[in-house]
N, C-alpha and C. Protein backbone atom coordinates (compact mmCIF):
# COMPACT_ATOMS: atom_id res chain seq x y z
N MET A 1 0.83 -1.18 0.02
CA MET A 1 -0.01 0.00 0.00
C MET A 1 0.86 1.27 -0.01
N ALA A 2 0.51 2.28 -0.74
CA ALA A 2 1.28 3.48 -0.88
C ALA A 2 1.18 4.26 0.44
N LYS A 3 2.28 4.93 0.80
CA LYS A 3 2.32 5.65 2.00
C LYS A 3 1.63 7.02 1.84
N GLN A 4 0.81 7.40 2.80
CA GLN A 4 0.18 8.71 2.74
C GLN A 4 1.20 9.76 3.17
N THR A 5 1.13 10.92 2.53
CA THR A 5 2.23 11.90 2.66
C THR A 5 1.93 13.06 3.55
N THR A 6 0.80 13.19 4.16
CA THR A 6 0.43 14.32 4.95
C THR A 6 1.36 14.50 6.18
N THR A 7 1.70 15.74 6.51
CA THR A 7 2.47 15.95 7.69
C THR A 7 1.59 16.53 8.83
N ILE A 8 0.30 16.64 8.51
CA ILE A 8 -0.60 17.16 9.50
C ILE A 8 -1.20 15.97 10.30
N PRO A 9 -0.99 16.02 11.60
CA PRO A 9 -1.43 14.87 12.38
C PRO A 9 -2.93 14.72 12.44
N PHE A 10 -3.41 13.49 12.52
CA PHE A 10 -4.83 13.17 12.59
C PHE A 10 -5.37 13.63 13.91
N LYS A 11 -6.48 14.39 13.94
CA LYS A 11 -7.05 14.90 15.19
C LYS A 11 -8.55 14.61 15.28
N GLY A 12 -8.91 13.33 15.16
CA GLY A 12 -10.30 12.98 15.23
C GLY A 12 -10.77 13.07 16.73
N THR A 13 -12.05 13.36 16.89
CA THR A 13 -12.66 13.50 18.18
C THR A 13 -13.48 12.22 18.51
N PRO A 14 -13.77 11.97 19.78
CA PRO A 14 -14.62 10.90 20.16
C PRO A 14 -16.08 11.04 19.45
N GLU A 15 -16.50 12.31 19.39
CA GLU A 15 -17.82 12.56 18.82
C GLU A 15 -17.81 12.16 17.31
N GLN A 16 -16.76 12.51 16.63
CA GLN A 16 -16.68 12.14 15.22
C GLN A 16 -16.65 10.63 15.03
N GLU A 17 -15.89 9.94 15.94
CA GLU A 17 -15.78 8.49 15.85
C GLU A 17 -17.15 7.87 16.13
N ALA A 18 -17.89 8.39 17.09
CA ALA A 18 -19.21 7.86 17.42
C ALA A 18 -20.15 8.04 16.20
N GLU A 19 -20.07 9.21 15.59
CA GLU A 19 -20.89 9.45 14.37
C GLU A 19 -20.54 8.42 13.26
N LEU A 20 -19.25 8.25 13.05
CA LEU A 20 -18.83 7.27 12.02
C LEU A 20 -19.29 5.86 12.37
N GLN A 21 -19.14 5.46 13.64
CA GLN A 21 -19.56 4.13 14.00
C GLN A 21 -21.08 3.96 13.80
N ALA A 22 -21.82 4.98 13.99
CA ALA A 22 -23.29 4.91 13.77
C ALA A 22 -23.63 4.69 12.25
N VAL A 23 -22.82 5.39 11.44
CA VAL A 23 -22.99 5.20 9.95
C VAL A 23 -22.61 3.78 9.57
N ILE A 24 -21.52 3.30 10.10
CA ILE A 24 -21.04 1.96 9.79
C ILE A 24 -22.10 0.95 10.19
N ALA A 25 -22.61 1.10 11.37
CA ALA A 25 -23.68 0.18 11.92
C ALA A 25 -24.86 0.15 10.97
N LYS A 26 -25.25 1.31 10.49
CA LYS A 26 -26.38 1.41 9.57
C LYS A 26 -26.16 0.62 8.29
N TRP A 27 -24.92 0.67 7.78
CA TRP A 27 -24.60 0.05 6.47
C TRP A 27 -24.00 -1.36 6.54
N LYS A 28 -23.57 -1.75 7.72
CA LYS A 28 -22.87 -3.04 7.81
C LYS A 28 -23.72 -4.20 7.28
N GLY A 29 -23.07 -5.02 6.48
CA GLY A 29 -23.76 -6.19 5.91
C GLY A 29 -24.59 -5.93 4.68
N LYS A 30 -24.71 -4.66 4.27
CA LYS A 30 -25.48 -4.31 3.10
C LYS A 30 -24.63 -4.23 1.85
N GLU A 31 -25.19 -4.69 0.77
CA GLU A 31 -24.51 -4.62 -0.52
C GLU A 31 -24.22 -3.18 -0.87
N GLY A 32 -23.05 -2.88 -1.38
CA GLY A 32 -22.70 -1.53 -1.84
C GLY A 32 -22.49 -0.55 -0.75
N SER A 33 -22.05 -0.98 0.45
CA SER A 33 -21.95 -0.08 1.58
C SER A 33 -20.64 0.76 1.57
N THR A 34 -19.63 0.32 0.83
CA THR A 34 -18.34 1.06 0.89
C THR A 34 -18.47 2.50 0.56
N MET A 35 -19.04 2.83 -0.59
CA MET A 35 -19.07 4.24 -1.05
C MET A 35 -19.88 5.11 -0.11
N PRO A 36 -21.09 4.73 0.29
CA PRO A 36 -21.82 5.68 1.18
C PRO A 36 -21.11 5.82 2.58
N VAL A 37 -20.40 4.80 3.04
CA VAL A 37 -19.77 4.94 4.32
C VAL A 37 -18.52 5.87 4.12
N LEU A 38 -17.78 5.66 3.08
CA LEU A 38 -16.61 6.53 2.83
C LEU A 38 -17.03 8.00 2.63
N GLN A 39 -18.16 8.19 1.93
CA GLN A 39 -18.65 9.57 1.70
C GLN A 39 -19.06 10.16 3.03
N ALA A 40 -19.74 9.41 3.91
CA ALA A 40 -20.13 9.91 5.22
C ALA A 40 -18.88 10.21 6.06
N ALA A 41 -17.90 9.29 5.97
CA ALA A 41 -16.64 9.47 6.74
C ALA A 41 -15.99 10.76 6.35
N GLN A 42 -15.94 11.02 5.04
CA GLN A 42 -15.28 12.24 4.56
C GLN A 42 -16.06 13.49 4.98
N ASN A 43 -17.38 13.35 5.03
CA ASN A 43 -18.20 14.50 5.54
C ASN A 43 -17.97 14.70 7.00
N ILE A 44 -17.71 13.68 7.76
CA ILE A 44 -17.52 13.83 9.19
C ILE A 44 -16.15 14.42 9.49
N TYR A 45 -15.12 13.86 8.84
CA TYR A 45 -13.71 14.23 9.11
C TYR A 45 -13.13 15.27 8.17
N GLY A 46 -13.75 15.46 7.00
CA GLY A 46 -13.21 16.39 6.00
C GLY A 46 -12.23 15.73 5.06
N TYR A 47 -11.80 14.51 5.38
CA TYR A 47 -10.89 13.76 4.55
C TYR A 47 -10.83 12.34 5.07
N LEU A 48 -10.09 11.48 4.38
CA LEU A 48 -10.03 10.05 4.76
C LEU A 48 -8.58 9.62 5.18
N PRO A 49 -8.14 10.01 6.29
CA PRO A 49 -6.82 9.55 6.70
C PRO A 49 -6.80 8.08 6.95
N ILE A 50 -5.61 7.49 7.06
CA ILE A 50 -5.53 6.02 7.23
C ILE A 50 -6.26 5.54 8.52
N GLU A 51 -6.29 6.41 9.50
CA GLU A 51 -6.96 6.07 10.73
C GLU A 51 -8.48 5.82 10.52
N VAL A 52 -9.07 6.72 9.65
CA VAL A 52 -10.48 6.63 9.35
C VAL A 52 -10.74 5.45 8.43
N GLN A 53 -9.84 5.23 7.43
CA GLN A 53 -9.94 4.08 6.51
C GLN A 53 -9.91 2.80 7.34
N THR A 54 -9.04 2.72 8.35
CA THR A 54 -8.94 1.55 9.21
C THR A 54 -10.29 1.29 9.94
N MET A 55 -10.86 2.39 10.51
CA MET A 55 -12.10 2.19 11.16
C MET A 55 -13.20 1.68 10.25
N VAL A 56 -13.19 2.21 9.00
CA VAL A 56 -14.23 1.75 8.06
C VAL A 56 -13.98 0.27 7.65
N ALA A 57 -12.72 -0.02 7.42
CA ALA A 57 -12.42 -1.43 7.08
C ALA A 57 -12.85 -2.44 8.16
N GLU A 58 -12.43 -2.10 9.35
CA GLU A 58 -12.78 -2.98 10.49
C GLU A 58 -14.28 -3.04 10.74
N GLY A 59 -14.91 -1.88 10.63
CA GLY A 59 -16.38 -1.81 10.87
C GLY A 59 -17.19 -2.56 9.85
N LEU A 60 -16.76 -2.50 8.58
CA LEU A 60 -17.48 -3.17 7.51
C LEU A 60 -17.02 -4.65 7.25
N GLY A 61 -15.93 -4.99 7.99
CA GLY A 61 -15.38 -6.34 7.78
C GLY A 61 -14.69 -6.52 6.46
N ARG A 62 -14.09 -5.44 5.98
CA ARG A 62 -13.36 -5.47 4.69
C ARG A 62 -11.88 -5.27 4.98
N SER A 63 -11.06 -5.50 3.99
CA SER A 63 -9.67 -5.33 4.17
C SER A 63 -9.31 -3.85 4.00
N LEU A 64 -8.23 -3.42 4.67
CA LEU A 64 -7.80 -2.00 4.55
C LEU A 64 -7.36 -1.76 3.15
N GLU A 65 -6.85 -2.76 2.44
CA GLU A 65 -6.44 -2.55 1.04
C GLU A 65 -7.63 -2.29 0.15
N GLU A 66 -8.73 -2.93 0.39
CA GLU A 66 -9.96 -2.67 -0.39
C GLU A 66 -10.45 -1.25 -0.16
N ILE A 67 -10.50 -0.81 1.11
CA ILE A 67 -10.98 0.50 1.44
C ILE A 67 -10.01 1.55 0.88
N TYR A 68 -8.69 1.33 0.99
CA TYR A 68 -7.68 2.22 0.44
C TYR A 68 -7.85 2.31 -1.10
N GLY A 69 -8.08 1.21 -1.67
CA GLY A 69 -8.23 1.17 -3.19
C GLY A 69 -9.43 2.04 -3.61
N VAL A 70 -10.54 1.91 -2.94
CA VAL A 70 -11.65 2.78 -3.27
C VAL A 70 -11.37 4.25 -2.98
N SER A 71 -10.73 4.51 -1.84
CA SER A 71 -10.40 5.85 -1.40
C SER A 71 -9.49 6.55 -2.44
N THR A 72 -8.59 5.83 -3.02
CA THR A 72 -7.63 6.41 -3.94
C THR A 72 -8.11 6.35 -5.40
N PHE A 73 -9.09 5.52 -5.74
CA PHE A 73 -9.57 5.42 -7.08
C PHE A 73 -10.46 6.61 -7.46
N TYR A 74 -11.33 6.99 -6.54
CA TYR A 74 -12.29 8.05 -6.84
C TYR A 74 -11.74 9.43 -6.43
N SER A 75 -11.78 10.36 -7.41
CA SER A 75 -11.19 11.71 -7.12
C SER A 75 -11.97 12.48 -6.11
N MET A 76 -13.16 12.12 -5.78
CA MET A 76 -13.97 12.88 -4.79
C MET A 76 -13.43 12.71 -3.39
N PHE A 77 -12.61 11.68 -3.16
CA PHE A 77 -12.01 11.41 -1.85
C PHE A 77 -10.74 12.08 -1.68
N ASN A 78 -10.51 12.70 -0.50
CA ASN A 78 -9.20 13.29 -0.11
C ASN A 78 -8.51 12.50 0.96
N LEU A 79 -7.27 12.14 0.75
CA LEU A 79 -6.51 11.47 1.77
C LEU A 79 -5.78 12.39 2.72
N GLU A 80 -5.80 13.65 2.35
CA GLU A 80 -5.20 14.65 3.21
C GLU A 80 -6.22 15.71 3.55
N PRO A 81 -6.07 16.38 4.65
CA PRO A 81 -7.01 17.48 4.97
C PRO A 81 -6.81 18.61 3.92
N THR A 82 -7.92 19.23 3.61
CA THR A 82 -7.85 20.36 2.71
C THR A 82 -7.51 21.57 3.52
N GLY A 83 -6.61 22.38 2.95
CA GLY A 83 -6.16 23.57 3.67
C GLY A 83 -7.22 24.61 3.85
N GLU A 84 -6.90 25.61 4.62
CA GLU A 84 -7.81 26.71 4.83
C GLU A 84 -8.20 27.38 3.54
N HIS A 85 -7.24 27.43 2.59
CA HIS A 85 -7.46 27.98 1.28
C HIS A 85 -7.15 26.93 0.23
N LEU A 86 -8.05 26.72 -0.69
CA LEU A 86 -7.89 25.77 -1.78
C LEU A 86 -7.53 26.53 -3.02
N ILE A 87 -6.33 26.18 -3.53
CA ILE A 87 -5.83 26.84 -4.75
C ILE A 87 -5.94 25.81 -5.85
N ARG A 88 -6.75 26.13 -6.79
CA ARG A 88 -6.89 25.26 -8.01
C ARG A 88 -6.25 25.93 -9.18
N VAL A 89 -5.40 25.20 -9.83
CA VAL A 89 -4.66 25.75 -11.05
C VAL A 89 -5.16 25.01 -12.25
N CYS A 90 -5.74 25.77 -13.16
CA CYS A 90 -6.31 25.18 -14.38
C CYS A 90 -5.20 24.73 -15.31
N LEU A 91 -5.24 23.49 -15.69
CA LEU A 91 -4.24 22.92 -16.65
C LEU A 91 -4.98 22.45 -17.95
N GLY A 92 -6.20 23.03 -18.16
CA GLY A 92 -6.94 22.78 -19.38
C GLY A 92 -6.11 23.35 -20.54
N THR A 93 -6.51 23.05 -21.74
CA THR A 93 -5.75 23.35 -22.94
C THR A 93 -5.45 24.82 -23.02
N ALA A 94 -6.44 25.74 -22.91
CA ALA A 94 -6.20 27.19 -23.09
C ALA A 94 -5.20 27.67 -22.08
N CYS A 95 -5.37 27.21 -20.80
CA CYS A 95 -4.47 27.71 -19.71
C CYS A 95 -3.04 27.09 -19.90
N TYR A 96 -3.02 25.79 -20.24
CA TYR A 96 -1.75 25.13 -20.38
C TYR A 96 -0.87 25.81 -21.45
N VAL A 97 -1.47 26.07 -22.67
CA VAL A 97 -0.66 26.62 -23.72
C VAL A 97 -0.20 28.08 -23.39
N LYS A 98 -0.88 28.67 -22.41
CA LYS A 98 -0.48 30.02 -22.04
C LYS A 98 0.38 30.09 -20.80
N GLY A 99 0.89 28.92 -20.34
CA GLY A 99 1.87 28.94 -19.24
C GLY A 99 1.42 28.47 -17.90
N ALA A 100 0.27 27.79 -17.83
CA ALA A 100 -0.24 27.40 -16.53
C ALA A 100 0.73 26.48 -15.73
N GLN A 101 1.47 25.63 -16.45
CA GLN A 101 2.42 24.75 -15.79
C GLN A 101 3.46 25.55 -15.07
N LYS A 102 3.93 26.60 -15.65
CA LYS A 102 4.93 27.50 -14.95
C LYS A 102 4.32 28.15 -13.72
N VAL A 103 3.07 28.51 -13.81
CA VAL A 103 2.36 29.11 -12.65
C VAL A 103 2.25 28.03 -11.52
N LEU A 104 1.83 26.89 -11.91
CA LEU A 104 1.73 25.78 -10.92
C LEU A 104 3.10 25.52 -10.29
N ASP A 105 4.15 25.43 -11.05
CA ASP A 105 5.50 25.19 -10.55
C ASP A 105 5.92 26.32 -9.55
N GLU A 106 5.55 27.53 -9.91
CA GLU A 106 5.94 28.65 -9.00
C GLU A 106 5.14 28.64 -7.71
N LEU A 107 3.84 28.30 -7.80
CA LEU A 107 3.02 28.14 -6.59
C LEU A 107 3.61 27.05 -5.71
N ALA A 108 3.97 25.95 -6.30
CA ALA A 108 4.58 24.83 -5.54
C ALA A 108 5.88 25.27 -4.86
N ARG A 109 6.67 26.08 -5.52
CA ARG A 109 7.93 26.59 -5.01
C ARG A 109 7.69 27.56 -3.88
N VAL A 110 6.77 28.52 -4.09
CA VAL A 110 6.49 29.58 -3.09
C VAL A 110 5.91 28.92 -1.85
N LEU A 111 4.97 28.06 -2.04
CA LEU A 111 4.28 27.40 -0.87
C LEU A 111 5.08 26.24 -0.29
N ASP A 112 6.06 25.81 -0.97
CA ASP A 112 6.90 24.67 -0.58
C ASP A 112 6.02 23.42 -0.34
N VAL A 113 5.19 23.09 -1.38
CA VAL A 113 4.29 21.95 -1.28
C VAL A 113 4.19 21.36 -2.72
N GLU A 114 4.06 20.06 -2.78
CA GLU A 114 3.89 19.42 -4.00
C GLU A 114 2.41 19.53 -4.48
N PRO A 115 2.17 19.67 -5.77
CA PRO A 115 0.75 19.73 -6.25
C PRO A 115 -0.01 18.47 -5.75
N GLY A 116 -1.21 18.76 -5.36
CA GLY A 116 -2.05 17.68 -4.83
C GLY A 116 -1.97 17.51 -3.32
N HIS A 117 -1.23 18.37 -2.67
CA HIS A 117 -0.97 18.30 -1.25
C HIS A 117 -1.27 19.62 -0.51
N THR A 118 -1.25 19.54 0.78
CA THR A 118 -1.54 20.66 1.66
C THR A 118 -0.30 21.06 2.41
N THR A 119 -0.11 22.35 2.58
CA THR A 119 1.09 22.88 3.30
C THR A 119 1.06 22.37 4.72
N PRO A 120 2.26 22.17 5.35
CA PRO A 120 2.29 21.62 6.67
C PRO A 120 1.57 22.45 7.75
N ASP A 121 1.45 23.73 7.45
CA ASP A 121 0.64 24.57 8.42
C ASP A 121 -0.81 24.53 8.20
N GLY A 122 -1.26 23.75 7.19
CA GLY A 122 -2.67 23.61 6.90
C GLY A 122 -3.35 24.79 6.31
N LYS A 123 -2.53 25.76 5.80
CA LYS A 123 -3.08 27.00 5.23
C LYS A 123 -3.57 26.86 3.77
N PHE A 124 -2.76 26.15 2.95
CA PHE A 124 -3.05 26.06 1.51
C PHE A 124 -3.08 24.63 1.00
N THR A 125 -4.02 24.27 0.16
CA THR A 125 -3.99 23.05 -0.60
C THR A 125 -3.82 23.43 -2.07
N LEU A 126 -2.85 22.83 -2.73
CA LEU A 126 -2.57 23.17 -4.12
C LEU A 126 -3.06 22.00 -5.00
N GLU A 127 -4.07 22.26 -5.81
CA GLU A 127 -4.64 21.23 -6.67
C GLU A 127 -4.64 21.59 -8.14
N PRO A 128 -3.90 20.86 -8.91
CA PRO A 128 -4.07 20.98 -10.39
C PRO A 128 -5.40 20.52 -10.81
N THR A 129 -6.04 21.15 -11.73
CA THR A 129 -7.37 20.73 -12.19
C THR A 129 -7.49 20.94 -13.62
N ARG A 130 -8.56 20.42 -14.20
CA ARG A 130 -8.89 20.72 -15.62
C ARG A 130 -9.76 21.93 -15.70
N CYS A 131 -10.29 22.21 -16.81
CA CYS A 131 -10.92 23.51 -17.11
C CYS A 131 -11.79 24.05 -16.00
N LEU A 132 -11.53 25.31 -15.68
CA LEU A 132 -12.31 26.02 -14.71
C LEU A 132 -13.40 26.93 -15.35
N GLY A 133 -13.43 26.91 -16.69
CA GLY A 133 -14.47 27.66 -17.45
C GLY A 133 -14.15 29.10 -17.60
N CYS A 134 -12.92 29.52 -17.49
CA CYS A 134 -12.51 30.90 -17.57
C CYS A 134 -11.44 31.06 -18.68
N CYS A 135 -11.63 30.30 -19.79
CA CYS A 135 -10.63 30.22 -20.87
C CYS A 135 -10.14 31.59 -21.39
N GLY A 136 -11.04 32.55 -21.44
CA GLY A 136 -10.70 33.94 -21.94
C GLY A 136 -9.73 34.63 -21.00
N LEU A 137 -9.54 34.14 -19.79
CA LEU A 137 -8.61 34.77 -18.82
C LEU A 137 -7.37 33.96 -18.63
N ALA A 138 -7.16 32.96 -19.48
CA ALA A 138 -6.02 32.00 -19.34
C ALA A 138 -4.64 32.68 -19.21
N PRO A 139 -3.79 32.09 -18.40
CA PRO A 139 -3.97 31.04 -17.45
C PRO A 139 -4.68 31.52 -16.17
N VAL A 140 -5.46 30.63 -15.59
CA VAL A 140 -6.32 30.99 -14.46
C VAL A 140 -6.05 30.12 -13.22
N ILE A 141 -6.11 30.73 -12.08
CA ILE A 141 -6.13 29.94 -10.82
C ILE A 141 -7.36 30.41 -10.07
N MET A 142 -7.87 29.54 -9.17
CA MET A 142 -8.90 29.93 -8.28
C MET A 142 -8.38 29.76 -6.85
N ILE A 143 -8.55 30.69 -5.99
CA ILE A 143 -8.22 30.50 -4.57
C ILE A 143 -9.57 30.73 -3.90
N ASP A 144 -10.01 29.60 -3.31
CA ASP A 144 -11.34 29.48 -2.74
C ASP A 144 -12.31 29.78 -3.88
N ASP A 145 -13.10 30.90 -3.81
CA ASP A 145 -14.03 31.22 -4.90
C ASP A 145 -13.56 32.41 -5.71
N ASP A 146 -12.35 32.84 -5.45
CA ASP A 146 -11.80 34.00 -6.21
C ASP A 146 -11.03 33.55 -7.43
N VAL A 147 -11.38 34.14 -8.59
CA VAL A 147 -10.72 33.84 -9.86
C VAL A 147 -9.60 34.82 -10.11
N HIS A 148 -8.47 34.31 -10.44
CA HIS A 148 -7.33 35.14 -10.76
C HIS A 148 -6.91 34.80 -12.17
N GLY A 149 -7.05 35.68 -13.09
CA GLY A 149 -6.75 35.41 -14.53
C GLY A 149 -5.50 36.07 -15.01
N ARG A 150 -5.10 35.65 -16.18
CA ARG A 150 -3.88 36.16 -16.82
C ARG A 150 -2.63 36.04 -15.86
N MET A 151 -2.60 34.89 -15.22
CA MET A 151 -1.55 34.64 -14.19
C MET A 151 -0.15 34.45 -14.88
N THR A 152 0.83 34.94 -14.20
CA THR A 152 2.23 34.72 -14.54
C THR A 152 2.92 34.29 -13.31
N PRO A 153 4.06 33.58 -13.47
CA PRO A 153 4.83 33.18 -12.30
C PRO A 153 5.29 34.37 -11.39
N ASN A 154 5.52 35.53 -12.05
CA ASN A 154 6.05 36.69 -11.30
C ASN A 154 5.02 37.36 -10.39
N ILE A 155 3.76 37.09 -10.55
CA ILE A 155 2.72 37.68 -9.66
C ILE A 155 2.22 36.68 -8.61
N VAL A 156 2.66 35.48 -8.64
CA VAL A 156 2.21 34.45 -7.68
C VAL A 156 2.39 34.85 -6.27
N ARG A 157 3.59 35.33 -5.96
CA ARG A 157 3.87 35.66 -4.56
C ARG A 157 2.93 36.79 -4.06
N ASP A 158 2.66 37.79 -4.88
CA ASP A 158 1.75 38.89 -4.43
C ASP A 158 0.34 38.37 -4.25
N ILE A 159 -0.11 37.46 -5.11
CA ILE A 159 -1.48 36.93 -4.91
C ILE A 159 -1.56 36.14 -3.64
N ILE A 160 -0.58 35.26 -3.36
CA ILE A 160 -0.62 34.45 -2.18
C ILE A 160 -0.58 35.32 -0.90
N ALA A 161 0.17 36.45 -0.95
CA ALA A 161 0.25 37.30 0.20
C ALA A 161 -1.10 37.82 0.66
N LYS A 162 -2.03 37.93 -0.26
CA LYS A 162 -3.39 38.42 0.09
C LYS A 162 -4.14 37.40 0.99
N TYR A 163 -3.68 36.18 0.97
CA TYR A 163 -4.40 35.14 1.76
C TYR A 163 -3.63 34.78 3.00
């Protein structure tokens, strides 16, 4: 099994665990229970750390490998907590040909985080994505709900400073 790379420690509460156990009890033994339980677990915790995957596996009587496989196959599941600010970098065709990869590389350098991960302080998550629907402003990034168009690597630091 691949190693999860988050540096943010798991901080589940007894209340969250009780809520998850109630969901597991509702679905235990039912056909097709994995997806709804994982969706509920992510809603409860905000992501699916290995500790939560283990509770789901044990609770449903499934292997951790099976739960991990589902958790990593579907893009809707996050194995790391999402940062306070979500930065999405469009790598769709229009953005890509206008330099989005260089913008992504500069964001990764400035934030000191690999794309697809969260900064150790939990402030930013850097997510490469496909079309954000703002092709006329290419290259585009979104920070939370704010669109920043016509991005260049040299303005990345100034944009990040606002957050």
